[in-house]
Amino acid sequence: RDQPRSRGLGDVYKRQEKGISKVEIFPNPFSENIFVTFSLSEKSSIEIELVTVDGQIIFNSVSKKSQGQHSIEISDLKNLPQGIYFFKIKTGNNFIIKKIVK
């Protein structure tokens, strides 16, 4: 089900029946690097994006991950201007978008 969110810096939008859960992004606000942890209920191909408020894709990665807990680091973000960004993690038709601040 689609579940719009509007609390603080949590989930902005979520469409999730199964697949991705326990998505945590830190630090938030960030300065140079972002660390992301998440859990997958099954082996999946995942797509991760970091996007500006006007839709420009800053970072994109597609990879296959096994079932279980995972962590990734997105680095070299020190030259990004301060502002609001959106982090999207997607597998199949399921996705979670979180707002992050620099």
C-alpha atoms as a PDB file:
ATOM      1  CA  ARG A   1       0.000   0.000   0.000  1.00  0.00           C
ATOM      2  CA  ASP A   2       1.049   3.542  -0.657  1.00  0.00           C
ATOM      3  CA  GLN A   3       1.624   5.390   2.596  1.00  0.00           C
ATOM      4  CA  PRO A   4       2.404   9.115   2.390  1.00  0.00           C
ATOM      5  CA  ARG A   5       4.356  10.433   5.344  1.00  0.00           C
ATOM      6  CA  SER A   6       4.975  13.931   6.612  1.00  0.00           C
ATOM      7  CA  ARG A   7       6.784  13.652   9.948  1.00  0.00           C
ATOM      8  CA  GLY A   8      10.184  15.260  10.473  1.00  0.00           C
ATOM      9  CA  LEU A   9      13.017  13.584   8.611  1.00  0.00           C
ATOM     10  CA  GLY A  10      11.494  10.095   8.470  1.00  0.00           C
ATOM     11  CA  ASP A  11       9.915   8.329   5.536  1.00  0.00           C
ATOM     12  CA  VAL A  12       8.582  10.731   2.957  1.00  0.00           C
ATOM     13  CA  TYR A  13       6.819   8.091   0.905  1.00  0.00           C
ATOM     14  CA  LYS A  14       6.623   4.354   1.162  1.00  0.00           C
ATOM     15  CA  ARG A  15       5.183   1.659  -1.052  1.00  0.00           C
ATOM     16  CA  GLN A  16       6.027  -1.623   0.506  1.00  0.00           C
ATOM     17  CA  GLU A  17       4.290  -4.960   0.688  1.00  0.00           C
ATOM     18  CA  LYS A  18       7.415  -7.019   1.229  1.00  0.00           C
ATOM     19  CA  GLY A  19      11.046  -6.622   0.387  1.00  0.00           C
ATOM     20  CA  ILE A  20      12.746  -3.664   2.058  1.00  0.00           C
ATOM     21  CA  SER A  21      12.525  -2.839   5.749  1.00  0.00           C
ATOM     22  CA  LYS A  22      14.449  -1.274   8.624  1.00  0.00           C
ATOM     23  CA  VAL A  23      15.959   1.469   6.435  1.00  0.00           C
ATOM     24  CA  GLU A  24      18.161   3.789   8.515  1.00  0.00           C
ATOM     25  CA  ILE A  25      20.244   6.676   7.140  1.00  0.00           C
ATOM     26  CA  PHE A  26      22.886   8.450   9.201  1.00  0.00           C
ATOM     27  CA  PRO A  27      24.115  10.979   9.925  1.00  0.00           C
ATOM     28  CA  ASN A  28      21.170  13.200   9.120  1.00  0.00           C
ATOM     29  CA  PRO A  29      22.069  16.001   8.534  1.00  0.00           C
ATOM     30  CA  PHE A  30      25.180  14.781   6.690  1.00  0.00           C
ATOM     31  CA  SER A  31      28.347  16.533   5.560  1.00  0.00           C
ATOM     32  CA  GLU A  32      30.565  14.187   3.493  1.00  0.00           C
ATOM     33  CA  ASN A  33      29.265  10.599   3.722  1.00  0.00           C
ATOM     34  CA  ILE A  34      25.946   8.819   4.209  1.00  0.00           C
ATOM     35  CA  PHE A  35      25.679   5.393   5.797  1.00  0.00           C
ATOM     36  CA  VAL A  36      22.597   3.319   5.020  1.00  0.00           C
ATOM     37  CA  THR A  37      21.419   0.114   6.658  1.00  0.00           C
ATOM     38  CA  PHE A  38      18.442  -1.931   5.481  1.00  0.00           C
ATOM     39  CA  SER A  39      16.963  -5.402   5.550  1.00  0.00           C
ATOM     40  CA  LEU A  40      15.666  -7.516   2.663  1.00  0.00           C
ATOM     41  CA  SER A  41      13.058 -10.247   3.135  1.00  0.00           C
ATOM     42  CA  GLU A  42      14.373 -12.105   0.063  1.00  0.00           C
ATOM     43  CA  LYS A  43      17.236 -12.043  -2.446  1.00  0.00           C
ATOM     44  CA  SER A  44      16.630  -8.975  -4.611  1.00  0.00           C
ATOM     45  CA  SER A  45      18.033  -6.578  -7.133  1.00  0.00           C
ATOM     46  CA  ILE A  46      18.028  -3.157  -5.467  1.00  0.00           C
ATOM     47  CA  GLU A  47      18.354   0.346  -6.852  1.00  0.00           C
ATOM     48  CA  ILE A  48      19.563   3.191  -4.660  1.00  0.00           C
ATOM     49  CA  GLU A  49      19.312   6.869  -5.632  1.00  0.00           C
ATOM     50  CA  LEU A  50      20.167  10.186  -4.035  1.00  0.00           C
ATOM     51  CA  VAL A  51      18.097  12.939  -5.679  1.00  0.00           C
ATOM     52  CA  THR A  52      17.832  16.727  -5.358  1.00  0.00           C
ATOM     53  CA  VAL A  53      14.471  18.385  -4.672  1.00  0.00           C
ATOM     54  CA  ASP A  54      14.227  19.248  -8.382  1.00  0.00           C
ATOM     55  CA  GLY A  55      14.792  15.619  -9.445  1.00  0.00           C
ATOM     56  CA  GLN A  56      18.477  15.638 -10.395  1.00  0.00           C
ATOM     57  CA  ILE A  57      20.054  12.240  -9.639  1.00  0.00           C
ATOM     58  CA  ILE A  58      23.264  12.736  -7.633  1.00  0.00           C
ATOM     59  CA  PHE A  59      23.999   9.053  -7.002  1.00  0.00           C
ATOM     60  CA  ASN A  60      22.639   5.846  -8.541  1.00  0.00           C
ATOM     61  CA  SER A  61      23.577   2.245  -7.852  1.00  0.00           C
ATOM     62  CA  VAL A  62      21.998  -1.061  -8.875  1.00  0.00           C
ATOM     63  CA  SER A  63      23.128  -4.321  -7.296  1.00  0.00           C
ATOM     64  CA  LYS A  64      21.930  -7.762  -6.248  1.00  0.00           C
ATOM     65  CA  LYS A  65      21.721  -8.445  -2.526  1.00  0.00           C
ATOM     66  CA  SER A  66      20.937 -11.561  -0.532  1.00  0.00           C
ATOM     67  CA  GLN A  67      18.216 -11.861   2.086  1.00  0.00           C
ATOM     68  CA  GLY A  68      19.145 -10.217   5.410  1.00  0.00           C
ATOM     69  CA  GLN A  69      20.760  -7.053   6.812  1.00  0.00           C
ATOM     70  CA  HIS A  70      22.949  -4.855   4.602  1.00  0.00           C
ATOM     71  CA  SER A  71      24.881  -1.616   4.913  1.00  0.00           C
ATOM     72  CA  ILE A  72      26.328   0.716   2.319  1.00  0.00           C
ATOM     73  CA  GLU A  73      28.236   3.990   2.314  1.00  0.00           C
ATOM     74  CA  ILE A  74      27.742   6.826  -0.151  1.00  0.00           C
ATOM     75  CA  SER A  75      30.875   8.968  -0.012  1.00  0.00           C
ATOM     76  CA  ASP A  76      32.410  12.077  -1.576  1.00  0.00           C
ATOM     77  CA  LEU A  77      29.350  14.262  -0.963  1.00  0.00           C
ATOM     78  CA  LYS A  78      31.249  17.189   0.571  1.00  0.00           C
ATOM     79  CA  ASN A  79      30.887  19.331  -2.580  1.00  0.00           C
ATOM     80  CA  LEU A  80      27.090  19.078  -2.653  1.00  0.00           C
ATOM     81  CA  PRO A  81      25.367  22.345  -1.750  1.00  0.00           C
ATOM     82  CA  GLN A  82      23.517  22.497   1.551  1.00  0.00           C
ATOM     83  CA  GLY A  83      19.847  21.672   1.241  1.00  0.00           C
ATOM     84  CA  ILE A  84      17.262  18.895   1.200  1.00  0.00           C
ATOM     85  CA  TYR A  85      17.807  15.648  -0.696  1.00  0.00           C
ATOM     86  CA  PHE A  86      15.794  12.472  -1.132  1.00  0.00           C
ATOM     87  CA  PHE A  87      17.178   8.973  -0.696  1.00  0.00           C
ATOM     88  CA  LYS A  88      15.280   6.237  -2.562  1.00  0.00           C
ATOM     89  CA  ILE A  89      15.759   2.505  -2.210  1.00  0.00           C
ATOM     90  CA  LYS A  90      13.774   0.267  -4.556  1.00  0.00           C
ATOM     91  CA  THR A  91      13.326  -3.428  -5.202  1.00  0.00           C
ATOM     92  CA  GLY A  92      10.755  -4.508  -7.781  1.00  0.00           C
ATOM     93  CA  ASN A  93       7.621  -2.408  -7.204  1.00  0.00           C
ATOM     94  CA  ASN A  94       8.501  -1.743  -3.552  1.00  0.00           C
ATOM     95  CA  PHE A  95      10.338   1.393  -2.508  1.00  0.00           C
ATOM     96  CA  ILE A  96      11.051   3.726   0.379  1.00  0.00           C
ATOM     97  CA  ILE A  97      11.956   7.408   0.035  1.00  0.00           C
ATOM     98  CA  LYS A  98      13.524   9.300   2.932  1.00  0.00           C
ATOM     99  CA  LYS A  99      14.326  12.981   3.238  1.00  0.00           C
ATOM    100  CA  ILE A 100      17.872  13.871   4.263  1.00  0.00           C
ATOM    101  CA  VAL A 101      19.530  17.224   4.872  1.00  0.00           C
ATOM    102  CA  LYS A 102      22.987  18.560   4.221  1.00  0.00           C
END
